Amino acid sequence: MNPRRASIVVAGAALCLAMSFAATNLHGPVFIAGLEQKALAARDAAGGKGVKLAFKDRYGWMTRHPVLSGGQKLDAATRTRVAAQVSRIPGIGGVRWEREGVGVPVATLHCQDDVERILETRTIRFSEASARIDPASEKLLDEVARALRPCVGSIIAVIGHTDAGGNQQVNLALSLARANAVRWALIGRGIPADGLRAAGVGSKQPIAGLDPRDPANRRIEFSVISPAPIKPTPIDTPGPG
């Protein structure tokens, strides 16, 4: 293929990925805001004023699985009713009450630490300016998959990063494409697809203390963002306190 034509094809693919990412960012907040408005109305109708609804997890990711908190003065029946009403809203994927340690398997708590230790001195590598995983990283991905296996049942975020060199739109698209490549590689190694989320942030989150243009910022990170109960249920309603 003509080099000039090839560069146009690559740039076009990167632009499409960037536009897809931008569309998600544009419509996602609107969708979640609509769910939140309906959830607040359902909460009030169930007598749950004072109960807080979080549609973002601790990493700031939008979610259709709101966490309920507060309402300690409400009786158990009201708390159950509030959760039931919110969970019935079309688009809500399930709710749970915030309570540290409820239903979280001990193995899950160490899962992210294990992955971070594996990636402390090694990096998942890709072909130059490409989302094709370097064959030399296949064994590393085997290790990552083994470390993540105890996290099955949780939401596992695969986050792509780049350095600040080059076109920022292309960097954003490339970081997302690489995160998706790793996601598919993990699916191929037995990690369920429905628990894996891919995101690309381009050069927005450089490693602390590094020059944003440092190549070391080109990396894949993992975040276990929503540990599931040992026995998943649509409504998790532990008592107050």
Protein backbone atom coordinates (compact mmCIF):
# COMPACT_ATOMS: atom_id res chain seq x y z
CA MET A 1 0.00 0.00 0.00
CA ASN A 2 1.17 3.52 -0.78
CA PRO A 3 2.71 5.01 2.43
CA ARG A 4 0.67 8.21 2.07
CA ARG A 5 -2.54 6.22 1.62
CA ALA A 6 -1.67 4.01 4.58
CA SER A 7 -1.17 7.04 6.81
CA ILE A 8 -4.58 8.39 5.73
CA VAL A 9 -6.21 5.04 6.59
CA VAL A 10 -4.55 4.96 10.03
CA ALA A 11 -5.52 8.57 10.74
CA GLY A 12 -9.10 7.89 9.62
CA ALA A 13 -9.40 4.84 11.88
CA ALA A 14 -8.00 6.81 14.80
CA LEU A 15 -10.47 9.63 14.16
CA CYS A 16 -13.39 7.18 14.09
CA LEU A 17 -12.29 5.76 17.43
CA ALA A 18 -11.96 9.25 18.88
CA MET A 19 -15.44 10.19 17.63
CA SER A 20 -16.89 7.03 19.15
CA PHE A 21 -15.22 7.82 22.48
CA ALA A 22 -16.48 11.42 22.32
CA ALA A 23 -20.02 10.24 21.59
CA THR A 24 -19.93 8.01 24.66
CA ASN A 25 -18.77 10.93 26.79
CA LEU A 26 -21.49 13.15 25.31
CA HIS A 27 -24.47 10.82 25.70
CA GLY A 28 -23.37 8.88 28.79
CA PRO A 29 -23.81 11.76 31.26
CA VAL A 30 -27.22 12.63 29.77
CA PHE A 31 -28.38 9.02 30.14
CA ILE A 32 -27.11 8.73 33.72
CA ALA A 33 -28.61 12.14 34.64
CA GLY A 34 -31.98 10.89 33.41
CA LEU A 35 -31.69 7.73 35.50
CA GLU A 36 -30.69 9.77 38.53
CA GLN A 37 -33.69 12.08 38.18
CA LYS A 38 -36.07 9.12 37.97
CA ALA A 39 -34.31 7.39 40.88
CA LEU A 40 -34.66 10.45 43.12
CA ALA A 41 -38.37 10.63 42.34
CA ALA A 42 -38.75 6.90 43.11
CA ARG A 43 -36.79 7.35 46.35
CA ASP A 44 -39.08 10.17 47.51
CA ALA A 45 -42.22 8.26 46.53
CA ALA A 46 -41.01 5.33 48.67
CA GLY A 47 -40.50 7.59 51.70
CA GLY A 48 -36.73 7.59 51.46
CA LYS A 49 -35.88 11.30 51.58
CA GLY A 50 -32.39 11.62 53.04
CA VAL A 51 -31.11 8.57 51.19
CA LYS A 52 -28.24 9.47 48.86
CA LEU A 53 -27.85 7.88 45.43
CA ALA A 54 -24.38 7.62 43.90
CA PHE A 55 -24.28 7.03 40.15
CA LYS A 56 -20.48 7.25 40.09
CA ASP A 57 -18.10 4.78 41.65
CA ARG A 58 -15.09 5.75 43.75
CA TYR A 59 -13.01 6.21 40.60
CA GLY A 60 -15.51 8.68 39.14
CA TRP A 61 -16.86 6.23 36.55
CA MET A 62 -20.54 6.60 35.68
CA THR A 63 -22.57 3.50 36.52
CA ARG A 64 -26.09 2.14 36.11
CA HIS A 65 -25.69 0.38 39.47
CA PRO A 66 -26.30 3.15 42.03
CA VAL A 67 -25.03 2.83 45.58
CA LEU A 68 -27.47 3.96 48.26
CA SER A 69 -26.25 5.51 51.49
CA GLY A 70 -27.61 7.43 54.47
CA GLY A 71 -31.17 7.03 55.73
CA GLN A 72 -29.96 5.50 59.00
CA LYS A 73 -33.13 6.68 60.75
CA LEU A 74 -35.36 4.77 58.34
CA ASP A 75 -36.68 1.36 59.33
CA ALA A 76 -35.65 -1.78 57.43
CA ALA A 77 -38.96 -2.02 55.56
CA THR A 78 -38.60 1.52 54.19
CA ARG A 79 -35.00 0.94 53.17
CA THR A 80 -36.04 -2.24 51.34
CA ARG A 81 -38.89 -0.39 49.65
CA VAL A 82 -36.59 2.44 48.51
CA ALA A 83 -34.11 -0.01 46.99
CA ALA A 84 -36.90 -1.97 45.29
CA GLN A 85 -38.47 1.15 43.77
CA VAL A 86 -35.13 2.40 42.43
CA SER A 87 -34.17 -1.01 41.01
CA ARG A 88 -37.43 -1.19 39.00
CA ILE A 89 -36.52 1.86 36.90
CA PRO A 90 -35.77 0.80 33.30
CA GLY A 91 -32.05 1.19 32.72
CA ILE A 92 -31.02 0.64 36.35
CA GLY A 93 -28.80 -2.40 36.50
CA GLY A 94 -29.25 -3.16 40.21
CA VAL A 95 -28.69 -1.32 43.48
CA ARG A 96 -26.93 -1.92 46.77
CA TRP A 97 -26.58 -0.16 50.09
CA GLU A 98 -23.17 1.18 51.00
CA ARG A 99 -21.67 -0.68 53.89
CA GLU A 100 -17.99 -1.46 54.21
CA GLY A 101 -17.15 -5.14 53.95
CA VAL A 102 -20.64 -6.43 53.07
CA GLY A 103 -20.44 -9.38 50.73
CA VAL A 104 -16.94 -8.66 49.43
CA PRO A 105 -14.82 -11.81 49.02
CA VAL A 106 -11.46 -11.54 50.75
CA ALA A 107 -9.63 -12.68 47.58
CA THR A 108 -11.06 -9.75 45.64
CA LEU A 109 -9.46 -7.26 48.01
CA HIS A 110 -5.96 -8.41 46.98
CA CYS A 111 -6.63 -8.81 43.27
CA GLN A 112 -5.71 -5.31 42.10
CA ASP A 113 -2.58 -5.30 44.29
CA ASP A 114 -1.47 -8.55 42.63
CA VAL A 115 -1.88 -7.07 39.14
CA GLU A 116 -0.06 -3.89 40.10
CA ARG A 117 2.86 -5.93 41.43
CA ILE A 118 3.05 -7.85 38.14
CA LEU A 119 3.17 -4.58 36.17
CA GLU A 120 5.62 -2.78 38.47
CA THR A 121 8.64 -3.67 36.35
CA ARG A 122 7.02 -4.84 33.11
CA THR A 123 4.71 -3.24 30.57
CA ILE A 124 2.19 -4.65 28.10
CA ARG A 125 3.77 -3.63 24.81
CA PHE A 126 2.28 -2.87 21.40
CA SER A 127 3.58 -2.43 17.87
CA GLU A 128 4.61 1.15 17.07
CA ALA A 129 1.55 3.47 16.72
CA SER A 130 -0.70 0.40 16.75
CA ALA A 131 -3.13 -1.49 18.98
CA ARG A 132 -1.53 -4.81 18.03
CA ILE A 133 -0.16 -6.46 21.17
CA ASP A 134 3.51 -7.38 20.90
CA PRO A 135 3.88 -11.20 20.96
CA ALA A 136 6.50 -10.76 23.71
CA SER A 137 3.70 -9.57 26.04
CA GLU A 138 1.58 -12.73 25.68
CA LYS A 139 3.09 -14.43 28.75
CA LEU A 140 2.65 -11.21 30.75
CA LEU A 141 -1.04 -11.18 29.81
CA ASP A 142 -1.29 -14.81 30.98
CA GLU A 143 -0.04 -13.66 34.40
CA VAL A 144 -2.41 -10.69 34.48
CA ALA A 145 -5.37 -12.95 33.63
CA ARG A 146 -4.44 -15.37 36.43
CA ALA A 147 -4.19 -12.49 38.90
CA LEU A 148 -7.57 -11.08 37.82
CA ARG A 149 -9.41 -14.39 38.00
CA PRO A 150 -10.32 -13.97 41.70
CA CYS A 151 -11.96 -10.65 40.67
CA VAL A 152 -14.51 -12.34 38.42
CA GLY A 153 -17.89 -10.98 39.50
CA SER A 154 -16.48 -7.47 39.83
CA ILE A 155 -16.21 -4.71 37.24
CA ILE A 156 -12.61 -4.61 35.98
CA ALA A 157 -11.59 -1.43 34.16
CA VAL A 158 -8.83 -1.68 31.55
CA ILE A 159 -7.46 1.84 31.07
CA GLY A 160 -5.14 2.86 28.25
CA HIS A 161 -2.67 5.77 28.61
CA THR A 162 -0.28 7.51 26.23
CA ASP A 163 2.41 10.15 26.60
CA ALA A 164 1.76 13.75 25.54
CA GLY A 165 3.65 13.59 22.25
CA GLY A 166 1.79 13.90 18.96
CA ASN A 167 -1.85 14.66 18.20
CA GLN A 168 -4.02 14.45 21.31
CA GLN A 169 -7.10 13.16 19.44
CA VAL A 170 -5.06 10.37 17.93
CA ASN A 171 -3.53 9.60 21.34
CA LEU A 172 -7.00 9.34 22.86
CA ALA A 173 -8.17 6.99 20.13
CA LEU A 174 -4.99 4.90 20.34
CA SER A 175 -5.24 4.55 24.13
CA LEU A 176 -8.84 3.30 23.79
CA ALA A 177 -7.93 0.90 20.98
CA ARG A 178 -5.10 -0.56 23.07
CA ALA A 179 -7.35 -0.93 26.12
CA ASN A 180 -9.86 -2.77 23.93
CA ALA A 181 -7.11 -5.02 22.58
CA VAL A 182 -6.13 -5.97 26.13
CA ARG A 183 -9.79 -6.47 27.05
CA TRP A 184 -10.21 -8.95 24.19
CA ALA A 185 -6.96 -10.66 25.11
CA LEU A 186 -8.28 -11.19 28.65
CA ILE A 187 -11.62 -12.47 27.33
CA GLY A 188 -9.64 -14.99 25.30
CA ARG A 189 -7.97 -16.07 28.54
CA GLY A 190 -11.27 -16.79 30.28
CA ILE A 191 -12.14 -13.48 31.97
CA PRO A 192 -15.90 -12.90 31.38
CA ALA A 193 -16.61 -10.11 28.89
CA ASP A 194 -19.50 -8.63 30.87
CA GLY A 195 -17.18 -7.70 33.75
CA LEU A 196 -14.52 -5.97 31.63
CA ARG A 197 -14.67 -2.28 30.67
CA ALA A 198 -12.18 -0.60 28.32
CA ALA A 199 -11.39 3.11 28.44
CA GLY A 200 -8.76 5.35 26.92
CA VAL A 201 -7.66 8.59 28.53
CA GLY A 202 -4.83 9.53 26.17
CA SER A 203 -2.22 11.67 27.94
CA LYS A 204 -4.60 13.15 30.54
CA GLN A 205 -3.23 11.13 33.47
CA PRO A 206 0.60 11.02 33.35
CA ILE A 207 2.47 9.15 36.05
CA ALA A 208 3.08 11.44 39.02
CA GLY A 209 6.51 13.03 38.87
CA LEU A 210 7.14 12.18 35.19
CA ASP A 211 7.30 14.57 32.28
CA PRO A 212 4.01 14.11 30.37
CA ARG A 213 6.06 13.40 27.22
CA ASP A 214 8.02 10.59 28.89
CA PRO A 215 7.40 7.30 27.00
CA ALA A 216 6.91 5.56 30.38
CA ASN A 217 3.44 7.14 30.42
CA ARG A 218 2.42 4.72 27.64
CA ARG A 219 0.80 2.03 29.74
CA ILE A 220 -2.23 -0.08 30.56
CA GLU A 221 -3.70 0.08 34.08
CA PHE A 222 -6.38 -1.99 35.77
CA SER A 223 -8.93 -0.92 38.37
CA VAL A 224 -11.29 -3.25 40.20
CA ILE A 225 -14.10 -0.77 40.60
CA SER A 226 -17.16 -2.59 41.85
CA PRO A 227 -16.72 -5.77 43.89
CA ALA A 228 -19.88 -7.87 43.62
CA PRO A 229 -21.60 -9.64 46.55
CA ILE A 230 -20.68 -13.30 47.05
CA LYS A 231 -24.32 -14.14 46.27
CA PRO A 232 -25.36 -11.43 43.80
CA THR A 233 -28.90 -10.15 44.21
CA PRO A 234 -30.73 -7.27 42.48
CA ILE A 235 -31.21 -5.52 45.83
CA ASP A 236 -28.70 -5.67 48.66
CA THR A 237 -30.32 -4.18 51.79
CA PRO A 238 -28.27 -4.66 54.95
CA GLY A 239 -29.71 -3.00 58.03
CA PRO A 240 -28.81 0.54 59.12
CA GLY A 241 -25.34 1.14 60.47
